[in-house]
N, C-alpha and C. Protein backbone atom coordinates (compact mmCIF):
# COMPACT_ATOMS: atom_id res chain seq x y z
N MET A 1 20.96 3.64 10.07
CA MET A 1 19.68 4.30 9.91
C MET A 1 19.95 5.74 9.45
N PRO A 2 19.18 6.21 8.45
CA PRO A 2 19.36 7.59 7.99
C PRO A 2 18.99 8.62 9.06
N SER A 3 19.56 9.78 8.93
CA SER A 3 19.25 10.88 9.85
C SER A 3 17.83 11.39 9.59
N PRO A 4 17.24 12.12 10.55
CA PRO A 4 15.92 12.72 10.31
C PRO A 4 15.89 13.60 9.06
N GLU A 5 16.99 14.28 8.78
CA GLU A 5 17.05 15.13 7.60
C GLU A 5 16.96 14.31 6.31
N VAL A 6 17.63 13.17 6.30
CA VAL A 6 17.59 12.30 5.11
C VAL A 6 16.19 11.71 4.95
N PHE A 7 15.57 11.29 6.05
CA PHE A 7 14.20 10.79 5.96
C PHE A 7 13.27 11.87 5.41
N GLN A 8 13.45 13.11 5.85
CA GLN A 8 12.61 14.19 5.34
C GLN A 8 12.84 14.41 3.85
N GLN A 9 14.08 14.27 3.41
CA GLN A 9 14.37 14.38 1.98
C GLN A 9 13.66 13.28 1.20
N MET A 10 13.63 12.07 1.76
CA MET A 10 12.92 10.97 1.10
C MET A 10 11.43 11.31 0.95
N ILE A 11 10.84 11.82 2.03
CA ILE A 11 9.43 12.18 1.99
C ILE A 11 9.21 13.30 0.97
N ASP A 12 10.09 14.29 0.96
CA ASP A 12 9.97 15.39 -0.01
C ASP A 12 10.08 14.87 -1.45
N LEU A 13 10.94 13.89 -1.68
CA LEU A 13 11.10 13.33 -3.02
C LEU A 13 9.88 12.55 -3.49
N MET A 14 9.00 12.19 -2.58
CA MET A 14 7.76 11.52 -2.96
C MET A 14 6.83 12.46 -3.73
N SER A 15 7.16 13.75 -3.77
CA SER A 15 6.40 14.75 -4.53
C SER A 15 7.17 15.24 -5.76
N ASP A 16 8.28 14.62 -6.07
CA ASP A 16 9.10 15.02 -7.21
C ASP A 16 8.29 14.87 -8.51
N GLY A 17 8.66 15.63 -9.52
CA GLY A 17 7.98 15.57 -10.80
C GLY A 17 8.22 14.29 -11.58
N ASP A 18 9.26 13.57 -11.25
CA ASP A 18 9.62 12.34 -11.97
C ASP A 18 9.05 11.13 -11.22
N PRO A 19 8.18 10.34 -11.87
CA PRO A 19 7.61 9.19 -11.18
C PRO A 19 8.65 8.16 -10.73
N ASP A 20 9.74 8.05 -11.45
CA ASP A 20 10.78 7.10 -11.03
C ASP A 20 11.45 7.55 -9.73
N ILE A 21 11.62 8.85 -9.56
CA ILE A 21 12.16 9.38 -8.31
C ILE A 21 11.17 9.14 -7.17
N ARG A 22 9.87 9.39 -7.44
CA ARG A 22 8.85 9.13 -6.42
C ARG A 22 8.84 7.66 -6.03
N HIS A 23 8.96 6.79 -7.03
CA HIS A 23 8.99 5.35 -6.77
C HIS A 23 10.15 4.98 -5.86
N LEU A 24 11.34 5.48 -6.18
CA LEU A 24 12.51 5.18 -5.35
C LEU A 24 12.37 5.73 -3.94
N ALA A 25 11.77 6.90 -3.80
CA ALA A 25 11.57 7.50 -2.48
C ALA A 25 10.59 6.67 -1.66
N VAL A 26 9.50 6.22 -2.28
CA VAL A 26 8.53 5.37 -1.58
C VAL A 26 9.19 4.06 -1.19
N PHE A 27 9.95 3.49 -2.12
CA PHE A 27 10.64 2.23 -1.83
C PHE A 27 11.59 2.38 -0.64
N ALA A 28 12.41 3.41 -0.67
CA ALA A 28 13.41 3.60 0.40
C ALA A 28 12.76 3.88 1.74
N ALA A 29 11.90 4.89 1.79
CA ALA A 29 11.30 5.28 3.08
C ALA A 29 10.27 4.28 3.55
N GLY A 30 9.46 3.76 2.62
CA GLY A 30 8.36 2.89 3.01
C GLY A 30 8.71 1.42 3.12
N LEU A 31 9.22 0.85 2.04
CA LEU A 31 9.52 -0.58 2.06
C LEU A 31 10.81 -0.90 2.82
N HIS A 32 11.87 -0.19 2.49
CA HIS A 32 13.15 -0.53 3.11
C HIS A 32 13.23 -0.12 4.58
N TRP A 33 12.96 1.16 4.86
CA TRP A 33 13.13 1.65 6.23
C TRP A 33 11.84 1.61 7.05
N GLN A 34 10.70 1.42 6.39
CA GLN A 34 9.40 1.39 7.08
C GLN A 34 9.25 2.60 8.01
N HIS A 35 9.50 3.75 7.45
CA HIS A 35 9.51 5.01 8.19
C HIS A 35 8.07 5.50 8.36
N ARG A 36 7.52 5.35 9.55
CA ARG A 36 6.13 5.69 9.81
C ARG A 36 5.76 7.14 9.49
N PRO A 37 6.62 8.13 9.74
CA PRO A 37 6.24 9.50 9.37
C PRO A 37 5.97 9.69 7.87
N ALA A 38 6.39 8.74 7.05
CA ALA A 38 6.11 8.81 5.61
C ALA A 38 4.71 8.32 5.25
N LEU A 39 4.01 7.72 6.21
CA LEU A 39 2.71 7.12 5.91
C LEU A 39 1.69 8.07 5.29
N PRO A 40 1.52 9.29 5.79
CA PRO A 40 0.53 10.16 5.14
C PRO A 40 0.81 10.38 3.65
N ARG A 41 2.07 10.55 3.30
CA ARG A 41 2.41 10.76 1.89
C ARG A 41 2.23 9.47 1.10
N ILE A 42 2.59 8.33 1.69
CA ILE A 42 2.42 7.03 1.02
C ILE A 42 0.94 6.77 0.76
N ILE A 43 0.10 7.05 1.74
CA ILE A 43 -1.35 6.85 1.57
C ILE A 43 -1.90 7.80 0.51
N ALA A 44 -1.42 9.03 0.49
CA ALA A 44 -1.86 10.00 -0.53
C ALA A 44 -1.49 9.51 -1.93
N ILE A 45 -0.29 8.98 -2.08
CA ILE A 45 0.15 8.44 -3.37
C ILE A 45 -0.73 7.26 -3.77
N LEU A 46 -0.99 6.38 -2.84
CA LEU A 46 -1.81 5.21 -3.11
C LEU A 46 -3.19 5.60 -3.62
N ASN A 47 -3.77 6.64 -3.07
CA ASN A 47 -5.14 7.05 -3.42
C ASN A 47 -5.21 8.03 -4.60
N ASP A 48 -4.09 8.46 -5.12
CA ASP A 48 -4.06 9.44 -6.20
C ASP A 48 -4.25 8.74 -7.55
N THR A 49 -5.44 8.90 -8.13
CA THR A 49 -5.74 8.22 -9.40
C THR A 49 -4.88 8.75 -10.56
N ALA A 50 -4.24 9.89 -10.39
CA ALA A 50 -3.38 10.43 -11.44
C ALA A 50 -1.93 9.96 -11.29
N GLU A 51 -1.62 9.25 -10.22
CA GLU A 51 -0.25 8.79 -9.97
C GLU A 51 0.10 7.65 -10.91
N ALA A 52 1.38 7.53 -11.23
CA ALA A 52 1.87 6.43 -12.07
C ALA A 52 1.60 5.10 -11.35
N PRO A 53 1.07 4.11 -12.08
CA PRO A 53 0.74 2.83 -11.43
C PRO A 53 1.90 2.16 -10.72
N HIS A 54 3.12 2.26 -11.25
CA HIS A 54 4.24 1.61 -10.56
C HIS A 54 4.55 2.29 -9.23
N VAL A 55 4.27 3.58 -9.12
CA VAL A 55 4.47 4.28 -7.86
C VAL A 55 3.36 3.88 -6.88
N GLN A 56 2.14 3.80 -7.36
CA GLN A 56 1.03 3.36 -6.51
C GLN A 56 1.24 1.93 -6.02
N GLY A 57 1.70 1.06 -6.90
CA GLY A 57 1.95 -0.33 -6.49
C GLY A 57 3.00 -0.40 -5.40
N CYS A 58 4.04 0.40 -5.52
CA CYS A 58 5.08 0.45 -4.49
C CYS A 58 4.50 1.00 -3.19
N ALA A 59 3.63 2.00 -3.29
CA ALA A 59 2.99 2.55 -2.09
C ALA A 59 2.12 1.50 -1.41
N ALA A 60 1.40 0.71 -2.20
CA ALA A 60 0.59 -0.37 -1.62
C ALA A 60 1.47 -1.37 -0.89
N ASN A 61 2.57 -1.76 -1.52
CA ASN A 61 3.48 -2.71 -0.88
C ASN A 61 4.11 -2.12 0.38
N ALA A 62 4.46 -0.84 0.33
CA ALA A 62 5.06 -0.20 1.50
C ALA A 62 4.06 -0.14 2.65
N LEU A 63 2.84 0.29 2.36
CA LEU A 63 1.82 0.38 3.40
C LEU A 63 1.53 -1.00 4.00
N GLY A 64 1.41 -2.00 3.15
CA GLY A 64 1.15 -3.36 3.64
C GLY A 64 2.28 -3.90 4.49
N THR A 65 3.52 -3.60 4.11
CA THR A 65 4.68 -4.07 4.86
C THR A 65 4.77 -3.39 6.22
N ILE A 66 4.59 -2.07 6.23
CA ILE A 66 4.65 -1.35 7.50
C ILE A 66 3.55 -1.86 8.44
N ALA A 67 2.34 -2.02 7.91
CA ALA A 67 1.22 -2.48 8.74
C ALA A 67 1.39 -3.92 9.19
N HIS A 68 2.00 -4.75 8.36
CA HIS A 68 2.25 -6.14 8.74
C HIS A 68 3.12 -6.19 10.00
N ASN A 69 4.04 -5.24 10.10
CA ASN A 69 4.99 -5.24 11.21
C ASN A 69 4.61 -4.29 12.35
N ASP A 70 3.52 -3.55 12.21
CA ASP A 70 3.14 -2.57 13.23
C ASP A 70 1.62 -2.61 13.43
N GLU A 71 1.21 -3.32 14.45
CA GLU A 71 -0.23 -3.50 14.66
C GLU A 71 -0.96 -2.20 15.02
N THR A 72 -0.24 -1.17 15.44
CA THR A 72 -0.91 0.07 15.82
C THR A 72 -1.51 0.79 14.62
N ILE A 73 -1.03 0.50 13.42
CA ILE A 73 -1.60 1.13 12.23
C ILE A 73 -2.31 0.12 11.32
N ARG A 74 -2.35 -1.12 11.73
CA ARG A 74 -2.85 -2.19 10.86
C ARG A 74 -4.27 -1.95 10.37
N ASP A 75 -5.19 -1.65 11.26
CA ASP A 75 -6.59 -1.50 10.85
C ASP A 75 -6.76 -0.39 9.82
N ARG A 76 -6.15 0.76 10.08
CA ARG A 76 -6.26 1.87 9.13
C ARG A 76 -5.64 1.50 7.79
N ALA A 77 -4.48 0.88 7.84
CA ALA A 77 -3.79 0.52 6.60
C ALA A 77 -4.61 -0.48 5.79
N VAL A 78 -5.16 -1.47 6.45
CA VAL A 78 -5.97 -2.47 5.73
C VAL A 78 -7.17 -1.79 5.09
N ARG A 79 -7.82 -0.88 5.80
CA ARG A 79 -8.97 -0.16 5.22
C ARG A 79 -8.55 0.64 3.99
N GLU A 80 -7.42 1.34 4.08
CA GLU A 80 -6.94 2.12 2.94
C GLU A 80 -6.64 1.22 1.74
N LEU A 81 -6.00 0.10 2.00
CA LEU A 81 -5.66 -0.84 0.93
C LEU A 81 -6.90 -1.47 0.31
N VAL A 82 -7.86 -1.83 1.12
CA VAL A 82 -9.09 -2.44 0.60
C VAL A 82 -9.88 -1.43 -0.25
N LYS A 83 -9.93 -0.17 0.19
CA LYS A 83 -10.62 0.84 -0.61
C LYS A 83 -10.03 0.92 -2.02
N VAL A 84 -8.71 0.83 -2.13
CA VAL A 84 -8.06 0.86 -3.43
C VAL A 84 -8.32 -0.44 -4.19
N ALA A 85 -8.29 -1.55 -3.49
CA ALA A 85 -8.48 -2.86 -4.14
C ALA A 85 -9.84 -2.98 -4.82
N VAL A 86 -10.84 -2.34 -4.30
CA VAL A 86 -12.19 -2.45 -4.88
C VAL A 86 -12.56 -1.24 -5.73
N ASN A 87 -11.65 -0.30 -5.91
CA ASN A 87 -11.92 0.91 -6.68
C ASN A 87 -11.72 0.65 -8.17
N ALA A 88 -12.80 0.58 -8.91
CA ALA A 88 -12.73 0.27 -10.34
C ALA A 88 -12.03 1.37 -11.14
N MET A 89 -11.82 2.54 -10.55
CA MET A 89 -11.12 3.62 -11.25
C MET A 89 -9.60 3.44 -11.23
N MET A 90 -9.13 2.52 -10.41
CA MET A 90 -7.69 2.27 -10.30
C MET A 90 -7.27 1.22 -11.33
N PRO A 91 -6.03 1.31 -11.82
CA PRO A 91 -5.53 0.27 -12.72
C PRO A 91 -5.54 -1.10 -12.03
N GLN A 92 -5.78 -2.13 -12.81
CA GLN A 92 -5.91 -3.47 -12.24
C GLN A 92 -4.66 -3.89 -11.48
N ASP A 93 -3.47 -3.56 -11.98
CA ASP A 93 -2.26 -3.98 -11.27
C ASP A 93 -2.13 -3.28 -9.92
N VAL A 94 -2.62 -2.05 -9.82
CA VAL A 94 -2.62 -1.34 -8.54
C VAL A 94 -3.63 -1.99 -7.59
N ARG A 95 -4.80 -2.33 -8.12
CA ARG A 95 -5.82 -3.01 -7.30
C ARG A 95 -5.30 -4.34 -6.78
N ASP A 96 -4.60 -5.08 -7.65
CA ASP A 96 -4.03 -6.37 -7.24
C ASP A 96 -2.98 -6.18 -6.15
N ALA A 97 -2.12 -5.18 -6.32
CA ALA A 97 -1.09 -4.91 -5.31
C ALA A 97 -1.73 -4.51 -3.98
N ALA A 98 -2.78 -3.70 -4.05
CA ALA A 98 -3.46 -3.27 -2.82
C ALA A 98 -4.12 -4.46 -2.13
N TYR A 99 -4.75 -5.33 -2.89
CA TYR A 99 -5.41 -6.51 -2.31
C TYR A 99 -4.38 -7.43 -1.64
N THR A 100 -3.32 -7.73 -2.35
CA THR A 100 -2.28 -8.60 -1.79
C THR A 100 -1.65 -7.95 -0.55
N SER A 101 -1.43 -6.66 -0.60
CA SER A 101 -0.83 -5.96 0.54
C SER A 101 -1.78 -5.92 1.73
N ALA A 102 -3.08 -5.81 1.47
CA ALA A 102 -4.06 -5.85 2.56
C ALA A 102 -4.04 -7.22 3.24
N LEU A 103 -3.99 -8.26 2.43
CA LEU A 103 -3.91 -9.62 2.99
C LEU A 103 -2.65 -9.78 3.83
N TRP A 104 -1.52 -9.28 3.32
CA TRP A 104 -0.24 -9.36 4.03
C TRP A 104 -0.31 -8.57 5.34
N ALA A 105 -0.83 -7.34 5.27
CA ALA A 105 -0.92 -6.48 6.45
C ALA A 105 -1.77 -7.12 7.53
N ASP A 106 -2.83 -7.80 7.12
CA ASP A 106 -3.76 -8.41 8.07
C ASP A 106 -3.36 -9.84 8.44
N HIS A 107 -2.18 -10.27 8.04
CA HIS A 107 -1.65 -11.61 8.35
C HIS A 107 -2.57 -12.72 7.83
N ARG A 108 -3.17 -12.51 6.67
CA ARG A 108 -4.04 -13.51 6.06
C ARG A 108 -3.29 -14.40 5.08
N VAL A 109 -2.06 -14.01 4.74
CA VAL A 109 -1.19 -14.82 3.88
C VAL A 109 0.20 -14.82 4.48
N ASN A 110 0.94 -15.90 4.22
CA ASN A 110 2.33 -15.94 4.66
C ASN A 110 3.21 -15.42 3.53
N ALA A 111 4.50 -15.35 3.75
CA ALA A 111 5.41 -14.76 2.77
C ALA A 111 5.36 -15.49 1.42
N GLY A 112 5.29 -16.81 1.46
CA GLY A 112 5.22 -17.58 0.22
C GLY A 112 3.94 -17.30 -0.55
N GLU A 113 2.82 -17.26 0.16
CA GLU A 113 1.54 -16.96 -0.49
C GLU A 113 1.53 -15.53 -1.04
N ARG A 114 2.18 -14.63 -0.34
CA ARG A 114 2.27 -13.25 -0.82
C ARG A 114 3.00 -13.20 -2.15
N GLU A 115 4.09 -13.94 -2.26
CA GLU A 115 4.85 -13.97 -3.51
C GLU A 115 4.01 -14.57 -4.64
N GLU A 116 3.27 -15.64 -4.35
CA GLU A 116 2.42 -16.25 -5.37
C GLU A 116 1.37 -15.27 -5.86
N ARG A 117 0.84 -14.45 -4.95
CA ARG A 117 -0.20 -13.49 -5.31
C ARG A 117 0.36 -12.23 -5.95
N SER A 118 1.68 -12.13 -6.07
CA SER A 118 2.24 -10.92 -6.66
C SER A 118 1.98 -10.88 -8.17
N VAL A 119 1.56 -12.01 -8.72
CA VAL A 119 1.10 -12.00 -10.10
C VAL A 119 -0.41 -11.75 -10.08
N PRO A 120 -0.96 -11.02 -11.05
CA PRO A 120 -2.39 -10.71 -11.02
C PRO A 120 -3.24 -11.97 -10.87
N GLN A 121 -4.18 -11.86 -9.97
CA GLN A 121 -5.08 -12.97 -9.69
C GLN A 121 -6.43 -12.72 -10.34
N ASP A 122 -7.12 -13.78 -10.64
CA ASP A 122 -8.49 -13.68 -11.14
C ASP A 122 -9.34 -13.04 -10.05
N GLN A 123 -10.16 -12.07 -10.40
CA GLN A 123 -10.99 -11.38 -9.42
C GLN A 123 -11.91 -12.34 -8.68
N ASN A 124 -12.23 -13.46 -9.28
CA ASN A 124 -13.08 -14.45 -8.60
C ASN A 124 -12.36 -15.11 -7.43
N ASP A 125 -11.03 -14.93 -7.39
CA ASP A 125 -10.22 -15.51 -6.33
C ASP A 125 -10.20 -14.64 -5.07
N ALA A 126 -10.78 -13.45 -5.15
CA ALA A 126 -10.75 -12.52 -4.02
C ALA A 126 -11.66 -13.01 -2.90
N ASP A 127 -11.28 -12.69 -1.67
CA ASP A 127 -12.09 -13.00 -0.49
C ASP A 127 -13.11 -11.88 -0.33
N TRP A 128 -14.22 -11.98 -1.05
CA TRP A 128 -15.20 -10.89 -1.09
C TRP A 128 -15.92 -10.71 0.24
N VAL A 129 -16.06 -11.77 1.01
CA VAL A 129 -16.70 -11.63 2.33
C VAL A 129 -15.82 -10.76 3.22
N TRP A 130 -14.53 -11.03 3.25
CA TRP A 130 -13.60 -10.22 4.05
C TRP A 130 -13.56 -8.79 3.56
N LEU A 131 -13.47 -8.59 2.24
CA LEU A 131 -13.45 -7.24 1.68
C LEU A 131 -14.71 -6.47 2.08
N SER A 132 -15.85 -7.11 2.01
CA SER A 132 -17.11 -6.45 2.38
C SER A 132 -17.13 -6.08 3.85
N THR A 133 -16.60 -6.97 4.69
CA THR A 133 -16.55 -6.70 6.13
C THR A 133 -15.67 -5.49 6.41
N VAL A 134 -14.52 -5.43 5.78
CA VAL A 134 -13.62 -4.29 5.97
C VAL A 134 -14.30 -3.00 5.49
N LEU A 135 -14.95 -3.06 4.34
CA LEU A 135 -15.60 -1.88 3.79
C LEU A 135 -16.77 -1.41 4.66
N ARG A 136 -17.50 -2.33 5.25
CA ARG A 136 -18.58 -1.94 6.17
C ARG A 136 -17.99 -1.17 7.35
N GLY A 137 -16.83 -1.57 7.81
CA GLY A 137 -16.15 -0.86 8.88
C GLY A 137 -15.76 0.54 8.46
N VAL A 138 -15.38 0.71 7.19
CA VAL A 138 -15.02 2.02 6.66
C VAL A 138 -16.25 2.91 6.60
N GLU A 139 -17.36 2.36 6.13
CA GLU A 139 -18.58 3.14 6.02
C GLU A 139 -19.11 3.57 7.38
N ASN A 140 -18.87 2.76 8.41
CA ASN A 140 -19.36 3.07 9.74
C ASN A 140 -18.38 3.91 10.56
N ALA A 141 -17.18 4.12 10.01
CA ALA A 141 -16.16 4.88 10.77
C ALA A 141 -16.40 6.37 10.68
């Protein structure tokens, strides 16, 4: 396990000027190590409409993976992911990654189904009832 200093460097690199560096930092801290202190920065990247789509997609996967394994943050993570999934201002591949990650975080798909959904799905395939329920919770929060 990396030292606290190395984890902090990973979080700091999530603000680097190079999107490929940001992507690697999100991957390492979020997906690989599932470092919870990185969550605020990962969520900020996910919601940043100016961020490179491949970095946002990695942030969606990282948030979904952390939440899948940590029920204490699951509800918040699912809400964040669903907000991105239904945001028409986001690139479609980011929306797809956020939707699949929300399903994964909420244990609505197994690992095999998650892999199948990693390719863009037809929007008609979305569970709109579930998405609406999650969004109503966001509006009432």
